[in-house]
Amino acid sequence: MTLQTQFVTMGMMLLGGLSLGGLFDLYRVLASQLKAPRYAYYLLDLVFWLIGTLLVFKLLYASNLGQVRMFIFVGLLIGIAVYFMLFSRTVIQIILWMIRFVRALIRIGKRTIEILIIKPIVWIYRATIIILGFLLAIAIFLYKIMLQLLHPVWRLFLWLLRPLIRRIRITSWVNKIGQSVSSFIRRLFGRT
């Protein structure tokens, strides 16, 4: 391995250490904000270390075709230490700001959907119920007025038809059915 390759590898490992530190802060902040069940943290730990390992190996492979030497681990440790001394607080603040921003966007989206979709549908539903109730009240009112107005006409019509009805002969079996129904109703409601 040439000296230039070693410097490139050392720089890549410093970058890898910085990236691992950032990835760890991202994982730490997201894990504390998500409030996932306890068993999910084991899975998240596994995912963190898989991503970290793949990232470091990709950087190592790009710089010196994957040759592992002692200075590689030193470079990683120096990169992680530099990250935690210089960048950790800033990155955590940025991550927390991004989480607040995403939550605000979600809140705005929910409120927008509520105002533009849900409230108009509820308003249309309530207005429809009120209008239908009003129309039903008007229909009942008009029906009662028509009954009151047509009652004398109906009485007159029955009075005019009375001589005709007397001449129509009702067969005896129809008369017996009518009498049995009326006696059943009287017994049912207590009239004798």
Protein backbone atom coordinates (compact mmCIF):
# COMPACT_ATOMS: atom_id res chain seq x y z
CA MET A 1 0.00 0.00 0.00
CA THR A 2 1.52 3.32 -1.06
CA LEU A 3 1.75 6.37 1.17
CA GLN A 4 -0.86 8.20 -0.91
CA THR A 5 -3.28 5.27 -0.53
CA GLN A 6 -2.67 5.27 3.22
CA PHE A 7 -3.47 9.00 3.44
CA VAL A 8 -6.61 8.53 1.35
CA THR A 9 -7.60 5.57 3.54
CA MET A 10 -6.95 7.57 6.73
CA GLY A 11 -9.06 10.45 5.39
CA MET A 12 -11.85 8.06 4.44
CA MET A 13 -11.75 6.48 7.90
CA LEU A 14 -11.91 9.92 9.53
CA LEU A 15 -14.93 10.61 7.33
CA GLY A 16 -16.32 7.19 8.28
CA GLY A 17 -15.87 8.00 11.99
CA LEU A 18 -17.67 11.32 11.52
CA SER A 19 -20.46 9.50 9.65
CA LEU A 20 -20.75 6.83 12.35
CA GLY A 21 -21.03 9.55 15.00
CA GLY A 22 -23.75 11.32 13.02
CA LEU A 23 -25.56 8.05 12.42
CA PHE A 24 -25.36 7.25 16.13
CA ASP A 25 -26.79 10.64 17.11
CA LEU A 26 -29.58 10.21 14.55
CA TYR A 27 -30.34 6.77 15.95
CA ARG A 28 -30.21 7.98 19.55
CA VAL A 29 -32.52 10.97 18.97
CA LEU A 30 -35.00 9.04 16.84
CA ALA A 31 -35.12 6.17 19.34
CA SER A 32 -35.89 8.59 22.16
CA GLN A 33 -38.54 10.44 20.12
CA LEU A 34 -40.32 7.38 18.69
CA LYS A 35 -41.06 5.74 22.04
CA ALA A 36 -41.05 2.29 20.46
CA PRO A 37 -41.62 -0.92 22.45
CA ARG A 38 -38.59 -2.32 24.28
CA TYR A 39 -38.04 -5.23 21.87
CA ALA A 40 -37.88 -2.82 18.91
CA TYR A 41 -34.68 -1.27 20.28
CA TYR A 42 -32.85 -4.56 19.77
CA LEU A 43 -33.89 -4.54 16.14
CA LEU A 44 -32.90 -0.86 15.80
CA ASP A 45 -29.47 -1.63 17.34
CA LEU A 46 -28.96 -4.38 14.79
CA VAL A 47 -29.99 -2.08 11.92
CA PHE A 48 -27.65 0.68 13.21
CA TRP A 49 -24.65 -1.63 13.34
CA LEU A 50 -25.45 -3.16 9.94
CA ILE A 51 -25.65 0.28 8.32
CA GLY A 52 -22.50 1.45 10.14
CA THR A 53 -20.55 -1.65 9.11
CA LEU A 54 -21.66 -1.39 5.50
CA LEU A 55 -20.77 2.31 5.43
CA VAL A 56 -17.27 1.76 6.84
CA PHE A 57 -16.59 -1.21 4.58
CA LYS A 58 -17.81 0.72 1.52
CA LEU A 59 -15.44 3.59 2.38
CA LEU A 60 -12.61 1.14 3.07
CA TYR A 61 -13.21 -0.70 -0.19
CA ALA A 62 -13.33 2.57 -2.15
CA SER A 63 -10.04 3.78 -0.68
CA ASN A 64 -7.81 0.65 -0.59
CA LEU A 65 -9.89 -2.28 -1.85
CA GLY A 66 -10.79 -3.44 1.68
CA GLN A 67 -7.39 -3.96 3.28
CA VAL A 68 -7.69 -3.73 7.06
CA ARG A 69 -4.77 -2.26 9.03
CA MET A 70 -4.40 -0.89 12.56
CA PHE A 71 -4.40 2.76 11.46
CA ILE A 72 -7.89 2.21 9.99
CA PHE A 73 -9.33 1.66 13.48
CA VAL A 74 -7.31 4.61 14.80
CA GLY A 75 -8.77 6.77 12.01
CA LEU A 76 -12.30 5.63 12.86
CA LEU A 77 -11.81 6.37 16.57
CA ILE A 78 -10.31 9.80 15.82
CA GLY A 79 -13.23 10.59 13.48
CA ILE A 80 -15.78 9.56 16.11
CA ALA A 81 -13.98 11.58 18.82
CA VAL A 82 -13.78 14.68 16.61
CA TYR A 83 -17.45 14.33 15.78
CA PHE A 84 -18.53 14.11 19.42
CA MET A 85 -16.30 17.03 20.44
CA LEU A 86 -17.21 19.40 17.60
CA PHE A 87 -20.42 18.43 15.83
CA SER A 88 -22.60 16.30 18.12
CA ARG A 89 -24.59 19.11 19.79
CA THR A 90 -25.19 20.90 16.51
CA VAL A 91 -26.30 17.73 14.72
CA ILE A 92 -28.64 16.80 17.59
CA GLN A 93 -30.19 20.28 17.46
CA ILE A 94 -30.63 20.00 13.69
CA ILE A 95 -32.23 16.56 14.03
CA LEU A 96 -34.59 17.81 16.77
CA TRP A 97 -35.47 20.83 14.63
CA MET A 98 -36.21 18.54 11.67
CA ILE A 99 -38.43 16.35 13.87
CA ARG A 100 -40.33 19.42 15.10
CA PHE A 101 -40.63 20.63 11.49
CA VAL A 102 -42.02 17.28 10.31
CA ARG A 103 -44.47 17.18 13.23
CA ALA A 104 -45.57 20.73 12.41
CA LEU A 105 -46.08 19.75 8.76
CA ILE A 106 -48.16 16.75 9.85
CA ARG A 107 -50.19 18.95 12.19
CA ILE A 108 -50.74 21.52 9.42
CA GLY A 109 -51.70 18.73 7.00
CA LYS A 110 -54.23 17.30 9.46
CA ARG A 111 -55.69 20.74 10.12
CA THR A 112 -55.87 21.48 6.39
CA ILE A 113 -57.67 18.20 5.71
CA GLU A 114 -60.03 18.91 8.58
CA ILE A 115 -60.81 22.44 7.37
CA LEU A 116 -60.97 21.73 3.62
CA ILE A 117 -62.57 18.27 3.59
CA ILE A 118 -64.09 17.13 6.87
CA LYS A 119 -65.76 20.35 8.06
CA PRO A 120 -67.45 21.07 4.69
CA ILE A 121 -68.80 17.51 4.58
CA VAL A 122 -70.13 17.83 8.15
CA TRP A 123 -71.60 21.23 7.32
CA ILE A 124 -73.30 19.90 4.17
CA TYR A 125 -74.66 16.93 6.15
CA ARG A 126 -76.06 19.17 8.89
CA ALA A 127 -77.51 21.63 6.38
CA THR A 128 -79.15 18.76 4.51
CA ILE A 129 -80.68 17.41 7.73
CA ILE A 130 -81.98 20.88 8.66
CA ILE A 131 -83.42 21.49 5.19
CA LEU A 132 -85.04 18.05 5.05
CA GLY A 133 -86.48 18.54 8.55
CA PHE A 134 -87.85 21.92 7.52
CA LEU A 135 -89.38 20.47 4.35
CA LEU A 136 -90.89 17.60 6.35
CA ALA A 137 -92.42 20.06 8.82
CA ILE A 138 -93.89 22.08 5.95
CA ALA A 139 -95.25 18.88 4.35
CA ILE A 140 -96.88 17.79 7.63
CA PHE A 141 -98.33 21.26 8.11
CA LEU A 142 -99.75 21.32 4.57
CA TYR A 143 -101.12 17.78 5.02
CA LYS A 144 -102.98 18.80 8.18
CA ILE A 145 -104.34 21.92 6.49
CA MET A 146 -105.53 19.82 3.54
CA LEU A 147 -107.22 17.38 5.93
CA GLN A 148 -108.99 20.25 7.67
CA LEU A 149 -110.05 21.77 4.37
CA LEU A 150 -111.18 18.49 2.81
CA HIS A 151 -113.01 17.17 5.88
CA PRO A 152 -116.34 18.91 5.03
CA VAL A 153 -116.03 17.79 1.41
CA TRP A 154 -115.42 14.20 2.56
CA ARG A 155 -118.44 14.32 4.87
CA LEU A 156 -120.57 15.63 2.01
CA PHE A 157 -119.22 12.91 -0.29
CA LEU A 158 -120.09 10.19 2.26
CA TRP A 159 -123.56 11.67 2.78
CA LEU A 160 -124.15 11.62 -0.97
CA LEU A 161 -122.95 8.00 -1.26
CA ARG A 162 -124.99 6.70 1.71
CA PRO A 163 -128.06 5.71 -0.37
CA LEU A 164 -125.83 3.81 -2.79
CA ILE A 165 -123.99 1.98 -0.02
CA ARG A 166 -127.29 0.81 1.53
CA ARG A 167 -128.33 -0.86 -1.72
CA ILE A 168 -125.10 -2.85 -2.04
CA ARG A 169 -125.55 -6.24 -0.47
CA ILE A 170 -122.71 -7.54 1.61
CA THR A 171 -122.41 -11.29 1.54
CA SER A 172 -122.80 -13.10 4.82
CA TRP A 173 -119.25 -14.45 5.04
CA VAL A 174 -117.78 -10.92 4.69
CA ASN A 175 -120.17 -9.76 7.41
CA LYS A 176 -119.09 -12.65 9.71
CA ILE A 177 -115.39 -11.86 9.19
CA GLY A 178 -116.03 -8.22 10.03
CA GLN A 179 -117.93 -9.15 13.17
CA SER A 180 -115.23 -11.58 14.35
CA VAL A 181 -112.48 -9.01 13.76
CA SER A 182 -114.42 -6.34 15.65
CA SER A 183 -115.12 -8.73 18.56
CA PHE A 184 -111.43 -9.69 18.70
CA ILE A 185 -110.45 -6.02 18.82
CA ARG A 186 -113.00 -5.38 21.58
CA ARG A 187 -111.64 -8.28 23.65
CA LEU A 188 -108.09 -7.15 23.00
CA PHE A 189 -108.73 -3.60 24.18
CA GLY A 190 -111.18 -4.45 26.97
CA ARG A 191 -114.49 -3.38 25.45
CA THR A 192 -117.36 -5.78 25.78
